[in-house]
Amino acid sequence: MKISARNTLKGKVVSVEKGATTAHVKIEVADGTVITSSITNEAVDSLGLTVGGQAYAVVKASDVMIAVD
């Protein structure tokens, strides 16, 4: 796989929760560090995502914002 995004984190799928059209997929990329993504149910099926399977969280953003109280 080649991709232009440089923020690619390999991990294990720990949860796939399908809704009417969108699914929330959680990937554990390090001990206790979980990234959640919202993707279509069709994408979940096409990628063959299942709990316990391996996947990549790919982050492509032009800005990262930080806030404090």
PDB file of N, CA and C in Angstrom:
ATOM      1  N   MET A   1       0.843  -1.172   0.000  1.00  0.00           N
ATOM      2  CA  MET A   1       0.000   0.000   0.000  1.00  0.00           C
ATOM      3  C   MET A   1       0.885   1.231   0.000  1.00  0.00           C
ATOM      4  N   LYS A   2       0.628   2.164  -0.898  1.00  0.00           N
ATOM      5  CA  LYS A   2       1.291   3.459  -0.892  1.00  0.00           C
ATOM      6  C   LYS A   2       0.217   4.523  -0.704  1.00  0.00           C
ATOM      7  N   ILE A   3       0.533   5.507   0.134  1.00  0.00           N
ATOM      8  CA  ILE A   3      -0.427   6.558   0.430  1.00  0.00           C
ATOM      9  C   ILE A   3       0.326   7.841   0.737  1.00  0.00           C
ATOM     10  N   SER A   4      -0.266   8.979   0.407  1.00  0.00           N
ATOM     11  CA  SER A   4       0.423  10.256   0.609  1.00  0.00           C
ATOM     12  C   SER A   4       0.410  10.721   2.059  1.00  0.00           C
ATOM     13  N   ALA A   5      -0.560  10.294   2.828  1.00  0.00           N
ATOM     14  CA  ALA A   5      -0.637  10.703   4.230  1.00  0.00           C
ATOM     15  C   ALA A   5       0.549  10.143   4.996  1.00  0.00           C
ATOM     16  N   ARG A   6       1.155  10.952   5.841  1.00  0.00           N
ATOM     17  CA  ARG A   6       2.321  10.522   6.594  1.00  0.00           C
ATOM     18  C   ARG A   6       1.999  10.080   8.012  1.00  0.00           C
ATOM     19  N   ASN A   7       0.795  10.306   8.456  1.00  0.00           N
ATOM     20  CA  ASN A   7       0.379   9.931   9.806  1.00  0.00           C
ATOM     21  C   ASN A   7      -0.434   8.647   9.742  1.00  0.00           C
ATOM     22  N   THR A   8       0.249   7.523   9.647  1.00  0.00           N
ATOM     23  CA  THR A   8      -0.387   6.219   9.524  1.00  0.00           C
ATOM     24  C   THR A   8      -0.040   5.396  10.750  1.00  0.00           C
ATOM     25  N   LEU A   9      -1.059   4.969  11.481  1.00  0.00           N
ATOM     26  CA  LEU A   9      -0.859   4.238  12.730  1.00  0.00           C
ATOM     27  C   LEU A   9      -1.503   2.862  12.621  1.00  0.00           C
ATOM     28  N   LYS A  10      -0.701   1.813  12.727  1.00  0.00           N
ATOM     29  CA  LYS A  10      -1.224   0.454  12.655  1.00  0.00           C
ATOM     30  C   LYS A  10      -1.769   0.045  14.014  1.00  0.00           C
ATOM     31  N   GLY A  11      -2.891  -0.660  13.996  1.00  0.00           N
ATOM     32  CA  GLY A  11      -3.468  -1.096  15.256  1.00  0.00           C
ATOM     33  C   GLY A  11      -4.441  -2.233  15.088  1.00  0.00           C
ATOM     34  N   LYS A  12      -5.149  -2.515  16.171  1.00  0.00           N
ATOM     35  CA  LYS A  12      -6.127  -3.603  16.210  1.00  0.00           C
ATOM     36  C   LYS A  12      -7.522  -3.020  16.359  1.00  0.00           C
ATOM     37  N   VAL A  13      -8.452  -3.513  15.563  1.00  0.00           N
ATOM     38  CA  VAL A  13      -9.846  -3.073  15.647  1.00  0.00           C
ATOM     39  C   VAL A  13     -10.428  -3.616  16.945  1.00  0.00           C
ATOM     40  N   VAL A  14     -10.911  -2.715  17.800  1.00  0.00           N
ATOM     41  CA  VAL A  14     -11.474  -3.144  19.082  1.00  0.00           C
ATOM     42  C   VAL A  14     -12.989  -2.997  19.128  1.00  0.00           C
ATOM     43  N   SER A  15     -13.559  -2.254  18.155  1.00  0.00           N
ATOM     44  CA  SER A  15     -15.007  -2.072  18.148  1.00  0.00           C
ATOM     45  C   SER A  15     -15.463  -1.609  16.772  1.00  0.00           C
ATOM     46  N   VAL A  16     -16.582  -2.163  16.319  1.00  0.00           N
ATOM     47  CA  VAL A  16     -17.246  -1.710  15.092  1.00  0.00           C
ATOM     48  C   VAL A  16     -18.723  -1.600  15.435  1.00  0.00           C
ATOM     49  N   GLU A  17     -19.239  -0.376  15.472  1.00  0.00           N
ATOM     50  CA  GLU A  17     -20.644  -0.154  15.806  1.00  0.00           C
ATOM     51  C   GLU A  17     -21.338   0.478  14.615  1.00  0.00           C
ATOM     52  N   LYS A  18     -22.154  -0.317  13.923  1.00  0.00           N
ATOM     53  CA  LYS A  18     -22.868   0.179  12.747  1.00  0.00           C
ATOM     54  C   LYS A  18     -24.157   0.874  13.154  1.00  0.00           C
ATOM     55  N   GLY A  19     -24.419   1.989  12.492  1.00  0.00           N
ATOM     56  CA  GLY A  19     -25.677   2.690  12.638  1.00  0.00           C
ATOM     57  C   GLY A  19     -26.478   2.514  11.359  1.00  0.00           C
ATOM     58  N   ALA A  20     -27.400   3.433  11.105  1.00  0.00           N
ATOM     59  CA  ALA A  20     -28.241   3.345   9.909  1.00  0.00           C
ATOM     60  C   ALA A  20     -27.407   3.425   8.634  1.00  0.00           C
ATOM     61  N   THR A  21     -26.452   4.348   8.588  1.00  0.00           N
ATOM     62  CA  THR A  21     -25.605   4.511   7.403  1.00  0.00           C
ATOM     63  C   THR A  21     -24.126   4.623   7.735  1.00  0.00           C
ATOM     64  N   THR A  22     -23.832   5.001   8.982  1.00  0.00           N
ATOM     65  CA  THR A  22     -22.453   5.271   9.392  1.00  0.00           C
ATOM     66  C   THR A  22     -22.047   4.342  10.530  1.00  0.00           C
ATOM     67  N   ALA A  23     -20.775   3.952  10.514  1.00  0.00           N
ATOM     68  CA  ALA A  23     -20.237   3.103  11.574  1.00  0.00           C
ATOM     69  C   ALA A  23     -19.156   3.857  12.330  1.00  0.00           C
ATOM     70  N   HIS A  24     -19.030   3.564  13.613  1.00  0.00           N
ATOM     71  CA  HIS A  24     -17.928   4.072  14.420  1.00  0.00           C
ATOM     72  C   HIS A  24     -16.963   2.911  14.630  1.00  0.00           C
ATOM     73  N   VAL A  25     -15.746   3.109  14.155  1.00  0.00           N
ATOM     74  CA  VAL A  25     -14.723   2.072  14.245  1.00  0.00           C
ATOM     75  C   VAL A  25     -13.650   2.556  15.205  1.00  0.00           C
ATOM     76  N   LYS A  26     -13.316   1.728  16.193  1.00  0.00           N
ATOM     77  CA  LYS A  26     -12.272   2.068  17.158  1.00  0.00           C
ATOM     78  C   LYS A  26     -11.074   1.161  16.921  1.00  0.00           C
ATOM     79  N   ILE A  27      -9.896   1.798  16.802  1.00  0.00           N
ATOM     80  CA  ILE A  27      -8.651   1.074  16.594  1.00  0.00           C
ATOM     81  C   ILE A  27      -7.693   1.413  17.726  1.00  0.00           C
ATOM     82  N   GLU A  28      -7.200   0.388  18.405  1.00  0.00           N
ATOM     83  CA  GLU A  28      -6.203   0.592  19.449  1.00  0.00           C
ATOM     84  C   GLU A  28      -4.830   0.596  18.780  1.00  0.00           C
ATOM     85  N   VAL A  29      -4.167   1.752  18.835  1.00  0.00           N
ATOM     86  CA  VAL A  29      -2.881   1.915  18.155  1.00  0.00           C
ATOM     87  C   VAL A  29      -1.701   1.757  19.106  1.00  0.00           C
ATOM     88  N   ALA A  30      -1.950   1.777  20.386  1.00  0.00           N
ATOM     89  CA  ALA A  30      -0.947   1.540  21.429  1.00  0.00           C
ATOM     90  C   ALA A  30      -1.721   1.138  22.678  1.00  0.00           C
ATOM     91  N   ASP A  31      -1.033   0.608  23.671  1.00  0.00           N
ATOM     92  CA  ASP A  31      -1.722   0.190  24.896  1.00  0.00           C
ATOM     93  C   ASP A  31      -2.549   1.326  25.464  1.00  0.00           C
ATOM     94  N   GLY A  32      -3.878   1.166  25.429  1.00  0.00           N
ATOM     95  CA  GLY A  32      -4.772   2.163  25.992  1.00  0.00           C
ATOM     96  C   GLY A  32      -5.037   3.371  25.111  1.00  0.00           C
ATOM     97  N   THR A  33      -4.421   3.446  23.935  1.00  0.00           N
ATOM     98  CA  THR A  33      -4.640   4.578  23.026  1.00  0.00           C
ATOM     99  C   THR A  33      -5.528   4.118  21.885  1.00  0.00           C
ATOM    100  N   VAL A  34      -6.752   4.660  21.848  1.00  0.00           N
ATOM    101  CA  VAL A  34      -7.751   4.253  20.868  1.00  0.00           C
ATOM    102  C   VAL A  34      -8.134   5.448  20.010  1.00  0.00           C
ATOM    103  N   ILE A  35      -8.166   5.228  18.707  1.00  0.00           N
ATOM    104  CA  ILE A  35      -8.598   6.243  17.752  1.00  0.00           C
ATOM    105  C   ILE A  35      -9.943   5.796  17.200  1.00  0.00           C
ATOM    106  N   THR A  36     -10.909   6.720  17.162  1.00  0.00           N
ATOM    107  CA  THR A  36     -12.243   6.425  16.655  1.00  0.00           C
ATOM    108  C   THR A  36     -12.459   7.146  15.331  1.00  0.00           C
ATOM    109  N   SER A  37     -13.006   6.432  14.367  1.00  0.00           N
ATOM    110  CA  SER A  37     -13.301   7.009  13.059  1.00  0.00           C
ATOM    111  C   SER A  37     -14.748   6.722  12.685  1.00  0.00           C
ATOM    112  N   SER A  38     -15.379   7.680  12.027  1.00  0.00           N
ATOM    113  CA  SER A  38     -16.727   7.486  11.494  1.00  0.00           C
ATOM    114  C   SER A  38     -16.607   7.253   9.997  1.00  0.00           C
ATOM    115  N   ILE A  39     -17.023   6.075   9.553  1.00  0.00           N
ATOM    116  CA  ILE A  39     -16.986   5.744   8.134  1.00  0.00           C
ATOM    117  C   ILE A  39     -18.319   5.115   7.747  1.00  0.00           C
ATOM    118  N   THR A  40     -18.566   4.959   6.470  1.00  0.00           N
ATOM    119  CA  THR A  40     -19.827   4.368   6.044  1.00  0.00           C
ATOM    120  C   THR A  40     -19.853   2.874   6.341  1.00  0.00           C
ATOM    121  N   ASN A  41     -21.054   2.351   6.491  1.00  0.00           N
ATOM    122  CA  ASN A  41     -21.215   0.907   6.670  1.00  0.00           C
ATOM    123  C   ASN A  41     -20.661   0.166   5.453  1.00  0.00           C
ATOM    124  N   GLU A  42     -20.833   0.754   4.276  1.00  0.00           N
ATOM    125  CA  GLU A  42     -20.322   0.154   3.044  1.00  0.00           C
ATOM    126  C   GLU A  42     -18.800   0.027   3.102  1.00  0.00           C
ATOM    127  N   ALA A  43     -18.116   1.043   3.644  1.00  0.00           N
ATOM    128  CA  ALA A  43     -16.662   0.991   3.775  1.00  0.00           C
ATOM    129  C   ALA A  43     -16.234  -0.097   4.751  1.00  0.00           C
ATOM    130  N   VAL A  44     -16.969  -0.254   5.844  1.00  0.00           N
ATOM    131  CA  VAL A  44     -16.670  -1.317   6.809  1.00  0.00           C
ATOM    132  C   VAL A  44     -16.715  -2.672   6.114  1.00  0.00           C
ATOM    133  N   ASP A  45     -17.775  -2.897   5.340  1.00  0.00           N
ATOM    134  CA  ASP A  45     -17.938  -4.167   4.643  1.00  0.00           C
ATOM    135  C   ASP A  45     -16.865  -4.362   3.573  1.00  0.00           C
ATOM    136  N   SER A  46     -16.595  -3.318   2.811  1.00  0.00           N
ATOM    137  CA  SER A  46     -15.612  -3.387   1.734  1.00  0.00           C
ATOM    138  C   SER A  46     -14.210  -3.677   2.261  1.00  0.00           C
ATOM    139  N   LEU A  47     -13.863  -3.081   3.410  1.00  0.00           N
ATOM    140  CA  LEU A  47     -12.544  -3.292   4.012  1.00  0.00           C
ATOM    141  C   LEU A  47     -12.467  -4.596   4.810  1.00  0.00           C
ATOM    142  N   GLY A  48     -13.621  -5.210   5.055  1.00  0.00           N
ATOM    143  CA  GLY A  48     -13.644  -6.446   5.830  1.00  0.00           C
ATOM    144  C   GLY A  48     -13.248  -6.237   7.279  1.00  0.00           C
ATOM    145  N   LEU A  49     -13.626  -5.087   7.848  1.00  0.00           N
ATOM    146  CA  LEU A  49     -13.247  -4.768   9.223  1.00  0.00           C
ATOM    147  C   LEU A  49     -14.014  -5.631  10.216  1.00  0.00           C
ATOM    148  N   THR A  50     -13.272  -6.283  11.104  1.00  0.00           N
ATOM    149  CA  THR A  50     -13.873  -7.079  12.166  1.00  0.00           C
ATOM    150  C   THR A  50     -13.077  -6.867  13.444  1.00  0.00           C
ATOM    151  N   VAL A  51     -13.748  -7.008  14.566  1.00  0.00           N
ATOM    152  CA  VAL A  51     -13.082  -6.863  15.861  1.00  0.00           C
ATOM    153  C   VAL A  51     -11.957  -7.888  15.949  1.00  0.00           C
ATOM    154  N   GLY A  52     -10.788  -7.414  16.348  1.00  0.00           N
ATOM    155  CA  GLY A  52      -9.619  -8.267  16.461  1.00  0.00           C
ATOM    156  C   GLY A  52      -8.724  -8.227  15.236  1.00  0.00           C
ATOM    157  N   GLY A  53      -9.241  -7.685  14.137  1.00  0.00           N
ATOM    158  CA  GLY A  53      -8.455  -7.592  12.912  1.00  0.00           C
ATOM    159  C   GLY A  53      -7.491  -6.417  12.952  1.00  0.00           C
ATOM    160  N   GLN A  54      -6.522  -6.440  12.066  1.00  0.00           N
ATOM    161  CA  GLN A  54      -5.543  -5.364  11.953  1.00  0.00           C
ATOM    162  C   GLN A  54      -6.047  -4.321  10.955  1.00  0.00           C
ATOM    163  N   ALA A  55      -5.747  -3.062  11.219  1.00  0.00           N
ATOM    164  CA  ALA A  55      -6.118  -1.969  10.328  1.00  0.00           C
ATOM    165  C   ALA A  55      -5.197  -0.789  10.601  1.00  0.00           C
ATOM    166  N   TYR A  56      -5.253   0.186   9.748  1.00  0.00           N
ATOM    167  CA  TYR A  56      -4.472   1.410   9.902  1.00  0.00           C
ATOM    168  C   TYR A  56      -5.405   2.586  10.136  1.00  0.00           C
ATOM    169  N   ALA A  57      -5.040   3.449  11.071  1.00  0.00           N
ATOM    170  CA  ALA A  57      -5.707   4.743  11.227  1.00  0.00           C
ATOM    171  C   ALA A  57      -4.830   5.726  10.448  1.00  0.00           C
ATOM    172  N   VAL A  58      -5.403   6.346   9.430  1.00  0.00           N
ATOM    173  CA  VAL A  58      -4.665   7.275   8.586  1.00  0.00           C
ATOM    174  C   VAL A  58      -5.214   8.671   8.836  1.00  0.00           C
ATOM    175  N   VAL A  59      -4.350   9.568   9.309  1.00  0.00           N
ATOM    176  CA  VAL A  59      -4.759  10.925   9.642  1.00  0.00           C
ATOM    177  C   VAL A  59      -4.211  11.862   8.578  1.00  0.00           C
ATOM    178  N   LYS A  60      -5.106  12.558   7.900  1.00  0.00           N
ATOM    179  CA  LYS A  60      -4.699  13.536   6.881  1.00  0.00           C
ATOM    180  C   LYS A  60      -5.436  14.819   7.195  1.00  0.00           C
ATOM    181  N   ALA A  61      -4.698  15.798   7.685  1.00  0.00           N
ATOM    182  CA  ALA A  61      -5.312  17.078   8.059  1.00  0.00           C
ATOM    183  C   ALA A  61      -4.334  18.207   7.797  1.00  0.00           C
ATOM    184  N   SER A  62      -4.864  19.332   7.422  1.00  0.00           N
ATOM    185  CA  SER A  62      -3.995  20.495   7.195  1.00  0.00           C
ATOM    186  C   SER A  62      -3.768  21.266   8.483  1.00  0.00           C
ATOM    187  N   ASP A  63      -4.632  21.061   9.495  1.00  0.00           N
ATOM    188  CA  ASP A  63      -4.495  21.768  10.760  1.00  0.00           C
ATOM    189  C   ASP A  63      -4.763  20.815  11.925  1.00  0.00           C
ATOM    190  N   VAL A  64      -4.039  21.016  12.984  1.00  0.00           N
ATOM    191  CA  VAL A  64      -4.310  20.332  14.236  1.00  0.00           C
ATOM    192  C   VAL A  64      -4.471  21.432  15.280  1.00  0.00           C
ATOM    193  N   MET A  65      -5.646  21.470  15.901  1.00  0.00           N
ATOM    194  CA  MET A  65      -5.932  22.524  16.874  1.00  0.00           C
ATOM    195  C   MET A  65      -5.756  21.966  18.279  1.00  0.00           C
ATOM    196  N   ILE A  66      -5.290  22.845  19.171  1.00  0.00           N
ATOM    197  CA  ILE A  66      -5.109  22.491  20.582  1.00  0.00           C
ATOM    198  C   ILE A  66      -5.829  23.545  21.398  1.00  0.00           C
ATOM    199  N   ALA A  67      -6.511  23.112  22.445  1.00  0.00           N
ATOM    200  CA  ALA A  67      -7.252  24.043  23.289  1.00  0.00           C
ATOM    201  C   ALA A  67      -7.029  23.715  24.760  1.00  0.00           C
ATOM    202  N   VAL A  68      -7.206  24.703  25.615  1.00  0.00           N
ATOM    203  CA  VAL A  68      -7.155  24.509  27.065  1.00  0.00           C
ATOM    204  C   VAL A  68      -8.292  25.283  27.687  1.00  0.00           C
ATOM    205  N   ASP A  69      -8.637  24.916  28.932  1.00  0.00           N
ATOM    206  CA  ASP A  69      -9.685  25.660  29.665  1.00  0.00           C
ATOM    207  C   ASP A  69      -9.092  26.906  30.256  1.00  0.00           C
TER     208      ASP A  69
END
